[in-house]
Amino acid sequence: MGGAQGMEIQPIVIGTAGHIDHGKSTLVKALTGIDPDRLKEEQERGMTIDLGFARFDLPDGRRVGMVDVPGHERFIKNMVAGATGIDLVVLVVAADDGVMPQTREHLAIMQILGVARGLIALTKIDMVEPGLVELAAEDVLAAVRGTFLEGAPILPLSAHTGAGLEAFKQELFRLALATRPRSDEGVFRMPVQRVFSAKGFGTVLTGIPVSGTVALGDVLEVLPSGKRGKVRGIQAYQEAATRARAGHSTAINLADVSVEDVTRGNVLATPGFFRPTRM
């Protein structure tokens, strides 16, 4: 499924993780040219509150998705929603702050969710002396010991000055190209990350499908409510599409379902295959 520039969408999603104000959104903007802080409140407060999405183009002509998650402890539920579906993580640690509580918490969440690949961005190196960058790197090494990021590359950089950014980009390219694309086999299932109403369109649900495919005209079910609706429109990375598949950051315009019928954490799925269970 190509985009307007003929880019082939690769079913891989890269996600950020890390403490508040360590430079996750700034790094995503430096890499993609897209500001993931889409909410006015986020831009005014200088912090990510909700999930942000961006496109990231690989040098071989393929496109992958990037999910920027909030780092503040009050928005940890939003972070978990964004972490669902991530294949490759960028753990962001600021050199002037080192490893902080949400650094460890996000790392633990990624581990629980089964993320197995990633690298570490040691940001804000323009804010400190070289000696402190080395100390921060040692702090990171100790924090990731025994996790899936043990032995992962640690790349110092400044998203503001550009120092180290090209080396980081090349390493991220290498890891993305080596990451196995997500299969689209199985029944369609997408955890809902956002739901909103678009004027003239109705209810729109966004997320990253974890299995299967869906096409225009298909009927989907919202769980646990059981509400059903027909797919009126699909976007992958903000471009119109006729189908969506596992591993693509996706927006689905669903008829006959209101915004009030859906909340973050619900699941959009092919009807008749899943049954909600209380634990």
Protein backbone atom coordinates (compact mmCIF):
# COMPACT_ATOMS: atom_id res chain seq x y z
CA MET A 1 0.00 0.00 0.00
CA GLY A 2 1.97 3.01 -1.22
CA GLY A 3 1.66 6.59 -0.10
CA ALA A 4 1.46 9.78 -2.09
CA GLN A 5 5.20 9.77 -2.67
CA GLY A 6 5.31 6.08 -3.56
CA MET A 7 6.60 5.07 -0.15
CA GLU A 8 5.98 1.45 0.81
CA ILE A 9 4.59 1.23 4.33
CA GLN A 10 6.58 -1.25 6.38
CA PRO A 11 4.56 -3.01 9.13
CA ILE A 12 6.93 -1.92 11.88
CA VAL A 13 6.28 0.62 14.63
CA ILE A 14 9.06 2.44 16.50
CA GLY A 15 8.15 3.85 19.90
CA THR A 16 9.78 6.23 22.35
CA ALA A 17 10.05 5.63 26.09
CA GLY A 18 11.52 7.64 28.91
CA HIS A 19 11.08 10.20 31.69
CA ILE A 20 9.24 13.51 31.25
CA ASP A 21 11.25 16.33 29.64
CA HIS A 22 14.08 14.07 28.49
CA GLY A 23 13.53 15.10 24.86
CA LYS A 24 11.38 12.34 23.34
CA SER A 25 9.13 14.64 21.29
CA THR A 26 12.03 16.87 20.28
CA LEU A 27 13.93 13.83 19.01
CA VAL A 28 10.91 12.57 17.03
CA LYS A 29 10.56 16.02 15.43
CA ALA A 30 14.27 16.12 14.57
CA LEU A 31 14.04 12.68 12.95
CA THR A 32 10.75 13.10 11.07
CA GLY A 33 10.05 16.82 10.76
CA ILE A 34 6.70 16.20 12.47
CA ASP A 35 5.81 17.65 15.87
CA PRO A 36 4.06 14.79 17.71
CA ASP A 37 2.67 17.18 20.33
CA ARG A 38 -0.58 17.83 18.46
CA LEU A 39 -2.61 19.22 21.37
CA LYS A 40 -2.54 22.96 22.09
CA GLU A 41 -2.21 22.16 25.82
CA GLU A 42 0.87 20.01 25.09
CA GLN A 43 2.55 22.80 23.13
CA GLU A 44 1.72 25.40 25.79
CA ARG A 45 2.94 23.24 28.67
CA GLY A 46 5.92 21.80 26.79
CA MET A 47 5.04 18.25 27.74
CA THR A 48 3.43 15.29 26.01
CA ILE A 49 0.04 14.40 27.47
CA ASP A 50 -1.42 12.10 24.83
CA LEU A 51 0.05 9.85 22.16
CA GLY A 52 1.76 11.39 19.15
CA PHE A 53 2.23 9.73 15.77
CA ALA A 54 4.73 10.45 13.00
CA ARG A 55 6.02 8.88 9.79
CA PHE A 56 9.67 7.86 9.51
CA ASP A 57 11.12 7.16 6.07
CA LEU A 58 13.88 4.58 5.69
CA PRO A 59 16.66 5.09 3.12
CA ASP A 60 15.48 2.15 1.01
CA GLY A 61 12.13 3.84 0.32
CA ARG A 62 10.05 2.16 3.01
CA ARG A 63 8.05 4.02 5.65
CA VAL A 64 7.54 3.01 9.26
CA GLY A 65 5.53 4.58 12.06
CA MET A 66 6.76 6.33 15.20
CA VAL A 67 4.73 6.59 18.40
CA ASP A 68 5.71 9.25 20.92
CA VAL A 69 4.43 8.47 24.41
CA PRO A 70 4.03 10.76 27.43
CA GLY A 71 6.69 10.56 30.13
CA HIS A 72 4.81 12.04 33.09
CA GLU A 73 3.67 9.58 35.75
CA ARG A 74 0.11 11.00 35.61
CA PHE A 75 -0.22 9.86 32.00
CA ILE A 76 1.13 6.33 32.40
CA LYS A 77 -2.16 4.85 31.09
CA ASN A 78 -1.66 6.82 27.88
CA MET A 79 1.90 5.50 27.68
CA VAL A 80 0.71 1.88 28.00
CA ALA A 81 -1.87 2.48 25.25
CA GLY A 82 0.91 3.71 22.97
CA ALA A 83 3.29 0.90 23.85
CA THR A 84 0.85 -1.71 22.55
CA GLY A 85 2.03 -2.64 19.08
CA ILE A 86 5.59 -1.30 19.33
CA ASP A 87 8.23 -3.45 17.63
CA LEU A 88 11.33 -1.37 18.31
CA VAL A 89 11.86 1.06 21.19
CA VAL A 90 14.02 4.16 21.58
CA LEU A 91 14.69 4.65 25.29
CA VAL A 92 15.40 8.36 25.76
CA VAL A 93 17.56 9.48 28.68
CA ALA A 94 18.70 13.09 29.16
CA ALA A 95 22.42 13.49 29.87
CA ASP A 96 21.71 16.33 32.33
CA ASP A 97 19.31 14.19 34.37
CA GLY A 98 20.29 10.55 33.99
CA VAL A 99 18.00 7.61 34.72
CA MET A 100 14.80 8.73 36.45
CA PRO A 101 11.66 6.97 37.82
CA GLN A 102 9.72 6.91 34.54
CA THR A 103 12.83 5.70 32.72
CA ARG A 104 12.72 2.55 34.83
CA GLU A 105 8.91 2.31 34.72
CA HIS A 106 8.73 2.61 30.92
CA LEU A 107 11.53 0.07 30.55
CA ALA A 108 9.65 -2.38 32.78
CA ILE A 109 6.41 -1.86 30.80
CA MET A 110 8.20 -2.52 27.51
CA GLN A 111 9.68 -5.68 28.98
CA ILE A 112 6.25 -6.90 30.17
CA LEU A 113 4.74 -6.18 26.73
CA GLY A 114 7.39 -8.34 25.09
CA VAL A 115 9.32 -5.68 23.17
CA ALA A 116 12.65 -7.31 22.31
CA ARG A 117 14.62 -4.74 20.28
CA GLY A 118 15.77 -1.19 20.81
CA LEU A 119 18.49 1.36 21.41
CA ILE A 120 19.17 4.21 23.81
CA ALA A 121 19.29 7.90 22.91
CA LEU A 122 21.38 9.88 25.38
CA THR A 123 19.96 13.33 24.71
CA LYS A 124 20.78 16.94 25.66
CA ILE A 125 24.55 16.44 25.48
CA ASP A 126 24.84 20.14 24.62
CA MET A 127 23.63 20.94 28.16
CA VAL A 128 26.48 19.25 30.07
CA GLU A 129 30.24 18.71 30.10
CA PRO A 130 31.60 15.57 28.36
CA GLY A 131 32.40 13.98 31.72
CA LEU A 132 28.76 14.09 32.76
CA VAL A 133 27.73 12.46 29.45
CA GLU A 134 30.00 9.53 30.34
CA LEU A 135 28.50 9.32 33.85
CA ALA A 136 24.98 9.35 32.39
CA ALA A 137 25.95 6.54 29.99
CA GLU A 138 27.22 4.45 32.93
CA ASP A 139 23.93 5.15 34.74
CA VAL A 140 22.04 3.83 31.70
CA LEU A 141 24.22 0.73 31.46
CA ALA A 142 23.39 -0.14 35.07
CA ALA A 143 19.65 0.49 34.56
CA VAL A 144 19.28 -1.75 31.48
CA ARG A 145 21.37 -4.62 32.87
CA GLY A 146 19.26 -7.80 32.84
CA THR A 147 16.66 -6.32 30.46
CA PHE A 148 16.12 -6.69 26.71
CA LEU A 149 18.18 -3.51 26.24
CA GLU A 150 21.31 -4.94 27.86
CA GLY A 151 24.02 -4.58 25.23
CA ALA A 152 21.93 -2.18 23.10
CA PRO A 153 23.71 0.79 21.49
CA ILE A 154 23.85 4.00 23.55
CA LEU A 155 24.14 7.01 21.27
CA PRO A 156 24.84 10.51 22.66
CA LEU A 157 23.15 13.31 20.73
CA SER A 158 21.63 16.76 20.77
CA ALA A 159 18.40 17.23 18.85
CA HIS A 160 18.94 21.01 19.10
CA THR A 161 22.48 21.30 17.74
CA GLY A 162 22.37 18.16 15.61
CA ALA A 163 25.47 16.68 17.26
CA GLY A 164 25.36 12.89 17.04
CA LEU A 165 21.98 12.93 15.27
CA GLU A 166 23.22 11.46 11.97
CA ALA A 167 24.97 8.57 13.74
CA PHE A 168 21.80 7.91 15.74
CA LYS A 169 19.69 7.98 12.58
CA GLN A 170 21.95 5.48 10.83
CA GLU A 171 21.78 3.07 13.79
CA LEU A 172 17.99 3.43 13.93
CA PHE A 173 17.85 2.73 10.17
CA ARG A 174 19.96 -0.40 10.69
CA LEU A 175 17.77 -1.73 13.50
CA ALA A 176 14.52 -0.94 11.67
CA LEU A 177 15.71 -2.73 8.54
CA ALA A 178 16.73 -5.75 10.64
CA THR A 179 13.40 -5.88 12.52
CA ARG A 180 11.08 -8.61 11.31
CA PRO A 181 7.89 -7.11 9.83
CA ARG A 182 4.73 -7.95 11.72
CA SER A 183 2.60 -10.67 10.09
CA ASP A 184 -0.93 -9.79 8.97
CA GLU A 185 -2.22 -13.32 9.53
CA GLY A 186 -5.14 -14.07 11.79
CA VAL A 187 -8.32 -12.24 12.77
CA PHE A 188 -8.28 -8.44 12.76
CA ARG A 189 -7.75 -6.96 16.22
CA MET A 190 -6.79 -3.40 17.16
CA PRO A 191 -6.50 -2.00 20.70
CA VAL A 192 -8.01 1.50 20.63
CA GLN A 193 -5.49 4.22 21.47
CA ARG A 194 -7.65 7.25 20.63
CA VAL A 195 -11.26 7.90 19.70
CA PHE A 196 -12.69 11.20 18.45
CA SER A 197 -15.37 12.68 16.22
CA ALA A 198 -14.33 14.28 12.91
CA LYS A 199 -16.72 16.83 11.40
CA GLY A 200 -18.44 15.35 8.37
CA PHE A 201 -17.12 11.86 9.06
CA GLY A 202 -18.28 10.75 12.51
CA THR A 203 -16.42 8.45 14.86
CA VAL A 204 -12.74 7.78 14.22
CA LEU A 205 -10.74 5.16 16.15
CA THR A 206 -6.96 5.02 16.01
CA GLY A 207 -4.45 2.39 17.03
CA ILE A 208 -1.97 -0.18 15.81
CA PRO A 209 -3.60 -3.44 14.71
CA VAL A 210 -1.84 -6.42 16.29
CA SER A 211 -3.24 -9.05 13.91
CA GLY A 212 -5.14 -9.46 10.67
CA THR A 213 -6.38 -7.01 8.04
CA VAL A 214 -9.47 -4.88 7.49
CA ALA A 215 -10.88 -3.30 4.32
CA LEU A 216 -13.39 -0.60 3.42
CA GLY A 217 -16.93 -1.92 3.86
CA ASP A 218 -16.01 -4.53 6.49
CA VAL A 219 -18.05 -4.71 9.69
CA LEU A 220 -16.11 -4.48 12.96
CA GLU A 221 -17.11 -4.97 16.59
CA VAL A 222 -16.12 -2.80 19.56
CA LEU A 223 -15.33 -4.84 22.66
CA PRO A 224 -16.46 -5.18 25.39
CA SER A 225 -19.67 -3.29 24.41
CA GLY A 226 -20.38 -5.43 21.33
CA LYS A 227 -21.36 -2.36 19.25
CA ARG A 228 -20.89 -2.98 15.52
CA GLY A 229 -20.24 -0.61 12.65
CA LYS A 230 -19.17 -0.57 9.01
CA VAL A 231 -15.73 0.75 8.01
CA ARG A 232 -16.37 3.98 6.04
CA GLY A 233 -12.80 5.15 5.76
CA ILE A 234 -9.22 4.09 6.53
CA GLN A 235 -6.03 6.10 6.89
CA ALA A 236 -2.52 4.74 7.36
CA TYR A 237 -0.01 7.39 8.43
CA GLN A 238 -2.49 10.17 7.54
CA GLU A 239 -2.96 8.95 3.98
CA ALA A 240 -6.19 7.46 2.64
CA ALA A 241 -6.07 3.68 2.19
CA THR A 242 -8.43 0.89 1.16
CA ARG A 243 -7.17 -1.56 3.78
CA ALA A 244 -5.24 -1.65 7.03
CA ARG A 245 -3.10 -4.42 8.47
CA ALA A 246 -1.21 -5.44 11.59
CA GLY A 247 1.77 -3.21 12.24
CA HIS A 248 0.41 -0.06 10.59
CA SER A 249 -0.54 3.01 12.62
CA THR A 250 -4.19 3.22 11.55
CA ALA A 251 -7.25 5.45 11.78
CA ILE A 252 -10.63 3.83 11.07
CA ASN A 253 -13.83 5.81 10.42
CA LEU A 254 -16.64 3.63 11.78
CA ALA A 255 -20.32 4.15 10.91
CA ASP A 256 -23.19 3.47 13.38
CA VAL A 257 -20.91 3.78 16.42
CA SER A 258 -20.80 6.97 18.51
CA VAL A 259 -17.79 8.41 20.33
CA GLU A 260 -19.57 7.67 23.62
CA ASP A 261 -19.62 3.96 22.73
CA VAL A 262 -15.81 3.67 22.71
CA THR A 263 -13.02 4.42 25.18
CA ARG A 264 -9.26 4.02 25.10
CA GLY A 265 -8.37 0.42 25.89
CA ASN A 266 -11.38 -1.04 24.05
CA VAL A 267 -10.64 -3.44 21.21
CA LEU A 268 -11.85 -3.16 17.61
CA ALA A 269 -12.11 -6.61 16.05
CA THR A 270 -13.71 -8.85 13.47
CA PRO A 271 -17.11 -9.86 14.95
CA GLY A 272 -17.71 -13.27 16.47
CA PHE A 273 -14.17 -14.26 17.38
CA PHE A 274 -13.48 -12.57 20.74
CA ARG A 275 -15.42 -12.49 23.98
CA PRO A 276 -14.69 -10.00 26.78
CA THR A 277 -13.80 -11.55 30.15
CA ARG A 278 -13.52 -9.99 33.61
CA MET A 279 -10.56 -10.96 35.78
